[in-house]
Amino acid sequence: MLNLLAMIYLQVHDTIRAIESIRKSLEINPRSEMGWNTSGAINFAIEEYKRSINDFTNALKINSKNSAVLYNLSCAYYSSGDTINASKYLKQALKYKVKFPSSKIFQF
């Protein structure tokens, strides 16, 4: 529930409440792959790429074959200027045949 609330706050550009909600969500369930993905999306949105990369990496520790998270991690690396890792994770995402959105960066 808090993860969904965090995503809604992110969509309406209320990053402070989004961060508060996702932190509470991850305190309750630190093994939430979706929670870490959402946290990564929030950090990406506020251009905290290092934190975003860390969050997406935490999600992959839970499920290393989540193509949406792999794609998001690729985007975070690319935005941070690390094209080598961006390419690496994009190739991994493609291996799992993700359907990439045409106008959205993140898949939740």
N, C-alpha and C. Protein backbone atom coordinates (compact mmCIF):
# COMPACT_ATOMS: atom_id res chain seq x y z
N MET A 1 0.82 -1.19 0.00
CA MET A 1 0.00 0.00 0.00
C MET A 1 0.87 1.26 0.00
N LEU A 2 1.89 1.29 0.86
CA LEU A 2 2.78 2.46 0.91
C LEU A 2 3.59 2.60 -0.37
N ASN A 3 3.92 1.48 -1.00
CA ASN A 3 4.65 1.52 -2.26
C ASN A 3 3.79 2.19 -3.33
N LEU A 4 2.52 1.82 -3.40
CA LEU A 4 1.59 2.43 -4.35
C LEU A 4 1.44 3.92 -4.06
N LEU A 5 1.34 4.26 -2.79
CA LEU A 5 1.22 5.66 -2.41
C LEU A 5 2.46 6.44 -2.85
N ALA A 6 3.63 5.85 -2.67
CA ALA A 6 4.88 6.50 -3.10
C ALA A 6 4.87 6.74 -4.60
N MET A 7 4.39 5.77 -5.37
CA MET A 7 4.34 5.94 -6.83
C MET A 7 3.37 7.06 -7.22
N ILE A 8 2.26 7.15 -6.51
CA ILE A 8 1.30 8.21 -6.80
C ILE A 8 1.92 9.57 -6.50
N TYR A 9 2.56 9.68 -5.35
CA TYR A 9 3.23 10.94 -5.00
C TYR A 9 4.29 11.30 -6.05
N LEU A 10 5.01 10.32 -6.53
CA LEU A 10 6.02 10.57 -7.55
C LEU A 10 5.37 11.09 -8.82
N GLN A 11 4.26 10.52 -9.20
CA GLN A 11 3.58 10.94 -10.43
C GLN A 11 3.04 12.37 -10.35
N VAL A 12 2.73 12.82 -9.14
CA VAL A 12 2.25 14.20 -8.99
C VAL A 12 3.37 15.13 -8.53
N HIS A 13 4.59 14.65 -8.62
CA HIS A 13 5.81 15.42 -8.33
C HIS A 13 5.92 15.87 -6.88
N ASP A 14 5.37 15.09 -5.96
CA ASP A 14 5.54 15.35 -4.53
C ASP A 14 6.61 14.40 -4.01
N THR A 15 7.86 14.74 -4.32
CA THR A 15 8.96 13.82 -4.02
C THR A 15 9.20 13.65 -2.52
N ILE A 16 8.91 14.67 -1.74
CA ILE A 16 9.11 14.55 -0.29
C ILE A 16 8.20 13.46 0.27
N ARG A 17 6.94 13.49 -0.08
CA ARG A 17 6.01 12.46 0.39
C ARG A 17 6.30 11.10 -0.25
N ALA A 18 6.77 11.12 -1.48
CA ALA A 18 7.13 9.86 -2.13
C ALA A 18 8.27 9.19 -1.38
N ILE A 19 9.27 9.97 -1.02
CA ILE A 19 10.42 9.44 -0.27
C ILE A 19 9.98 8.93 1.09
N GLU A 20 9.16 9.69 1.79
CA GLU A 20 8.67 9.26 3.11
C GLU A 20 7.90 7.95 3.00
N SER A 21 7.05 7.84 2.01
CA SER A 21 6.23 6.63 1.85
C SER A 21 7.07 5.42 1.51
N ILE A 22 8.02 5.59 0.60
CA ILE A 22 8.82 4.41 0.20
C ILE A 22 9.76 3.99 1.32
N ARG A 23 10.26 4.93 2.09
CA ARG A 23 11.10 4.55 3.24
C ARG A 23 10.31 3.73 4.24
N LYS A 24 9.09 4.17 4.53
CA LYS A 24 8.24 3.41 5.45
C LYS A 24 7.94 2.02 4.88
N SER A 25 7.67 1.96 3.59
CA SER A 25 7.38 0.69 2.94
C SER A 25 8.55 -0.27 3.05
N LEU A 26 9.75 0.25 2.82
CA LEU A 26 10.94 -0.61 2.88
C LEU A 26 11.33 -0.98 4.31
N GLU A 27 10.94 -0.16 5.28
CA GLU A 27 11.14 -0.53 6.69
C GLU A 27 10.28 -1.73 7.03
N ILE A 28 9.06 -1.73 6.51
CA ILE A 28 8.14 -2.84 6.76
C ILE A 28 8.57 -4.09 6.01
N ASN A 29 8.99 -3.93 4.75
CA ASN A 29 9.37 -5.07 3.93
C ASN A 29 10.64 -4.76 3.14
N PRO A 30 11.80 -4.94 3.76
CA PRO A 30 13.06 -4.64 3.07
C PRO A 30 13.39 -5.60 1.93
N ARG A 31 12.62 -6.66 1.77
CA ARG A 31 12.84 -7.62 0.68
C ARG A 31 11.85 -7.40 -0.46
N SER A 32 11.31 -6.20 -0.53
CA SER A 32 10.34 -5.88 -1.58
C SER A 32 11.06 -5.41 -2.85
N GLU A 33 11.05 -6.25 -3.82
CA GLU A 33 11.66 -5.91 -5.12
C GLU A 33 10.99 -4.67 -5.71
N MET A 34 9.66 -4.62 -5.63
CA MET A 34 8.93 -3.47 -6.15
C MET A 34 9.26 -2.21 -5.34
N GLY A 35 9.43 -2.36 -4.05
CA GLY A 35 9.79 -1.23 -3.20
C GLY A 35 11.12 -0.62 -3.58
N TRP A 36 12.11 -1.48 -3.81
CA TRP A 36 13.43 -0.98 -4.20
C TRP A 36 13.38 -0.36 -5.59
N ASN A 37 12.58 -0.93 -6.48
CA ASN A 37 12.43 -0.35 -7.82
C ASN A 37 11.80 1.04 -7.73
N THR A 38 10.78 1.17 -6.89
CA THR A 38 10.14 2.47 -6.71
C THR A 38 11.10 3.47 -6.08
N SER A 39 11.85 3.04 -5.09
CA SER A 39 12.84 3.92 -4.47
C SER A 39 13.86 4.39 -5.50
N GLY A 40 14.27 3.48 -6.36
CA GLY A 40 15.20 3.84 -7.43
C GLY A 40 14.60 4.85 -8.38
N ALA A 41 13.32 4.68 -8.70
CA ALA A 41 12.63 5.62 -9.60
C ALA A 41 12.54 7.01 -8.97
N ILE A 42 12.26 7.05 -7.67
CA ILE A 42 12.19 8.33 -6.98
C ILE A 42 13.55 9.01 -6.99
N ASN A 43 14.59 8.27 -6.65
CA ASN A 43 15.94 8.85 -6.64
C ASN A 43 16.37 9.27 -8.04
N PHE A 44 15.97 8.50 -9.04
CA PHE A 44 16.27 8.88 -10.42
C PHE A 44 15.59 10.20 -10.76
N ALA A 45 14.35 10.35 -10.35
CA ALA A 45 13.57 11.55 -10.66
C ALA A 45 14.20 12.81 -10.05
N ILE A 46 14.87 12.65 -8.92
CA ILE A 46 15.51 13.81 -8.29
C ILE A 46 17.01 13.86 -8.61
N GLU A 47 17.39 13.09 -9.61
CA GLU A 47 18.76 13.06 -10.15
C GLU A 47 19.81 12.62 -9.13
N GLU A 48 19.39 11.75 -8.24
CA GLU A 48 20.31 11.10 -7.29
C GLU A 48 20.68 9.74 -7.89
N TYR A 49 21.49 9.78 -8.93
CA TYR A 49 21.76 8.57 -9.71
C TYR A 49 22.50 7.50 -8.92
N LYS A 50 23.42 7.89 -8.06
CA LYS A 50 24.16 6.89 -7.28
C LYS A 50 23.20 6.13 -6.36
N ARG A 51 22.30 6.85 -5.72
CA ARG A 51 21.30 6.20 -4.86
C ARG A 51 20.35 5.35 -5.70
N SER A 52 19.98 5.86 -6.85
CA SER A 52 19.10 5.13 -7.75
C SER A 52 19.74 3.80 -8.15
N ILE A 53 20.99 3.85 -8.51
CA ILE A 53 21.72 2.63 -8.90
C ILE A 53 21.75 1.64 -7.74
N ASN A 54 21.99 2.14 -6.54
CA ASN A 54 22.00 1.29 -5.36
C ASN A 54 20.64 0.64 -5.13
N ASP A 55 19.58 1.42 -5.28
CA ASP A 55 18.22 0.88 -5.09
C ASP A 55 17.89 -0.20 -6.12
N PHE A 56 18.18 0.08 -7.39
CA PHE A 56 17.90 -0.91 -8.43
C PHE A 56 18.74 -2.17 -8.22
N THR A 57 19.97 -2.00 -7.75
CA THR A 57 20.83 -3.15 -7.46
C THR A 57 20.23 -3.98 -6.32
N ASN A 58 19.68 -3.31 -5.32
CA ASN A 58 19.02 -4.04 -4.22
C ASN A 58 17.83 -4.84 -4.75
N ALA A 59 17.08 -4.27 -5.67
CA ALA A 59 15.95 -4.99 -6.26
C ALA A 59 16.45 -6.23 -7.01
N LEU A 60 17.57 -6.09 -7.72
CA LEU A 60 18.11 -7.22 -8.47
C LEU A 60 18.65 -8.32 -7.56
N LYS A 61 19.04 -7.97 -6.35
CA LYS A 61 19.48 -8.99 -5.39
C LYS A 61 18.31 -9.89 -5.01
N ILE A 62 17.11 -9.36 -5.12
CA ILE A 62 15.91 -10.14 -4.80
C ILE A 62 15.45 -10.94 -6.01
N ASN A 63 15.53 -10.34 -7.19
CA ASN A 63 15.15 -11.03 -8.43
C ASN A 63 16.05 -10.52 -9.56
N SER A 64 17.05 -11.29 -9.87
CA SER A 64 18.05 -10.87 -10.86
C SER A 64 17.54 -10.92 -12.30
N LYS A 65 16.33 -11.43 -12.51
CA LYS A 65 15.79 -11.54 -13.87
C LYS A 65 14.65 -10.56 -14.14
N ASN A 66 14.49 -9.58 -13.29
CA ASN A 66 13.42 -8.59 -13.48
C ASN A 66 13.87 -7.62 -14.56
N SER A 67 13.31 -7.78 -15.74
CA SER A 67 13.75 -6.99 -16.89
C SER A 67 13.45 -5.50 -16.72
N ALA A 68 12.36 -5.15 -16.04
CA ALA A 68 12.06 -3.73 -15.82
C ALA A 68 13.11 -3.09 -14.94
N VAL A 69 13.53 -3.79 -13.90
CA VAL A 69 14.57 -3.26 -13.01
C VAL A 69 15.90 -3.17 -13.76
N LEU A 70 16.21 -4.19 -14.55
CA LEU A 70 17.45 -4.15 -15.35
C LEU A 70 17.45 -2.95 -16.29
N TYR A 71 16.32 -2.70 -16.92
CA TYR A 71 16.18 -1.54 -17.80
C TYR A 71 16.34 -0.23 -17.03
N ASN A 72 15.68 -0.15 -15.86
CA ASN A 72 15.79 1.06 -15.04
C ASN A 72 17.22 1.29 -14.59
N LEU A 73 17.90 0.22 -14.22
CA LEU A 73 19.31 0.32 -13.82
C LEU A 73 20.16 0.81 -14.99
N SER A 74 19.87 0.32 -16.17
CA SER A 74 20.57 0.78 -17.37
C SER A 74 20.38 2.29 -17.56
N CYS A 75 19.15 2.75 -17.39
CA CYS A 75 18.86 4.20 -17.53
C CYS A 75 19.61 5.02 -16.49
N ALA A 76 19.67 4.51 -15.26
CA ALA A 76 20.37 5.22 -14.19
C ALA A 76 21.87 5.31 -14.48
N TYR A 77 22.44 4.19 -14.94
CA TYR A 77 23.87 4.23 -15.29
C TYR A 77 24.11 5.21 -16.45
N TYR A 78 23.25 5.17 -17.44
CA TYR A 78 23.40 6.07 -18.59
C TYR A 78 23.34 7.53 -18.14
N SER A 79 22.38 7.84 -17.29
CA SER A 79 22.23 9.22 -16.82
C SER A 79 23.39 9.67 -15.95
N SER A 80 24.06 8.71 -15.31
CA SER A 80 25.21 9.05 -14.48
C SER A 80 26.49 9.16 -15.30
N GLY A 81 26.39 8.85 -16.60
CA GLY A 81 27.55 8.94 -17.48
C GLY A 81 28.31 7.64 -17.68
N ASP A 82 27.82 6.56 -17.07
CA ASP A 82 28.49 5.26 -17.17
C ASP A 82 27.85 4.45 -18.29
N THR A 83 28.31 4.68 -19.51
CA THR A 83 27.70 4.00 -20.66
C THR A 83 28.07 2.52 -20.75
N ILE A 84 29.17 2.15 -20.15
CA ILE A 84 29.57 0.73 -20.18
C ILE A 84 28.57 -0.10 -19.37
N ASN A 85 28.29 0.31 -18.14
CA ASN A 85 27.31 -0.43 -17.34
C ASN A 85 25.90 -0.25 -17.89
N ALA A 86 25.61 0.90 -18.47
CA ALA A 86 24.29 1.11 -19.08
C ALA A 86 24.07 0.07 -20.18
N SER A 87 25.06 -0.13 -21.00
CA SER A 87 24.97 -1.11 -22.08
C SER A 87 24.85 -2.53 -21.54
N LYS A 88 25.63 -2.83 -20.52
CA LYS A 88 25.63 -4.16 -19.90
C LYS A 88 24.23 -4.53 -19.39
N TYR A 89 23.60 -3.62 -18.66
CA TYR A 89 22.30 -3.93 -18.08
C TYR A 89 21.18 -3.86 -19.10
N LEU A 90 21.33 -3.04 -20.11
CA LEU A 90 20.34 -3.02 -21.17
C LEU A 90 20.34 -4.36 -21.92
N LYS A 91 21.53 -4.88 -22.19
CA LYS A 91 21.63 -6.19 -22.85
C LYS A 91 21.00 -7.28 -22.00
N GLN A 92 21.19 -7.22 -20.68
CA GLN A 92 20.57 -8.21 -19.79
C GLN A 92 19.05 -8.08 -19.82
N ALA A 93 18.56 -6.85 -19.82
CA ALA A 93 17.11 -6.64 -19.86
C ALA A 93 16.52 -7.21 -21.15
N LEU A 94 17.20 -6.99 -22.25
CA LEU A 94 16.72 -7.49 -23.54
C LEU A 94 16.69 -9.01 -23.58
N LYS A 95 17.57 -9.62 -22.84
CA LYS A 95 17.62 -11.08 -22.78
C LYS A 95 16.31 -11.66 -22.24
N TYR A 96 15.62 -10.89 -21.40
CA TYR A 96 14.37 -11.37 -20.81
C TYR A 96 13.14 -10.83 -21.53
N LYS A 97 13.36 -10.26 -22.72
CA LYS A 97 12.30 -9.86 -23.64
C LYS A 97 11.29 -8.90 -23.01
N VAL A 98 11.79 -7.88 -22.38
CA VAL A 98 10.91 -6.86 -21.82
C VAL A 98 10.30 -6.02 -22.95
N LYS A 99 9.08 -5.60 -22.75
CA LYS A 99 8.46 -4.67 -23.68
C LYS A 99 8.68 -3.28 -23.11
N PHE A 100 9.54 -2.50 -23.73
CA PHE A 100 9.87 -1.19 -23.21
C PHE A 100 8.79 -0.19 -23.58
N PRO A 101 8.42 0.66 -22.63
CA PRO A 101 7.42 1.67 -22.92
C PRO A 101 8.00 2.72 -23.87
N SER A 102 7.16 3.25 -24.70
CA SER A 102 7.65 4.24 -25.67
C SER A 102 7.81 5.62 -25.06
N SER A 103 7.02 5.96 -24.04
CA SER A 103 7.09 7.31 -23.51
C SER A 103 7.41 7.37 -22.03
N LYS A 104 7.53 6.24 -21.37
CA LYS A 104 7.84 6.23 -19.94
C LYS A 104 9.20 5.58 -19.72
N ILE A 105 9.91 6.08 -18.73
CA ILE A 105 11.21 5.49 -18.42
C ILE A 105 11.04 4.26 -17.55
N PHE A 106 10.16 4.31 -16.57
CA PHE A 106 10.08 3.24 -15.60
C PHE A 106 8.82 2.40 -15.74
N GLN A 107 8.98 1.12 -15.41
CA GLN A 107 7.85 0.21 -15.35
C GLN A 107 7.71 -0.19 -13.91
N PHE A 108 6.53 -0.03 -13.35
CA PHE A 108 6.31 -0.39 -11.95
C PHE A 108 5.45 -1.62 -11.86
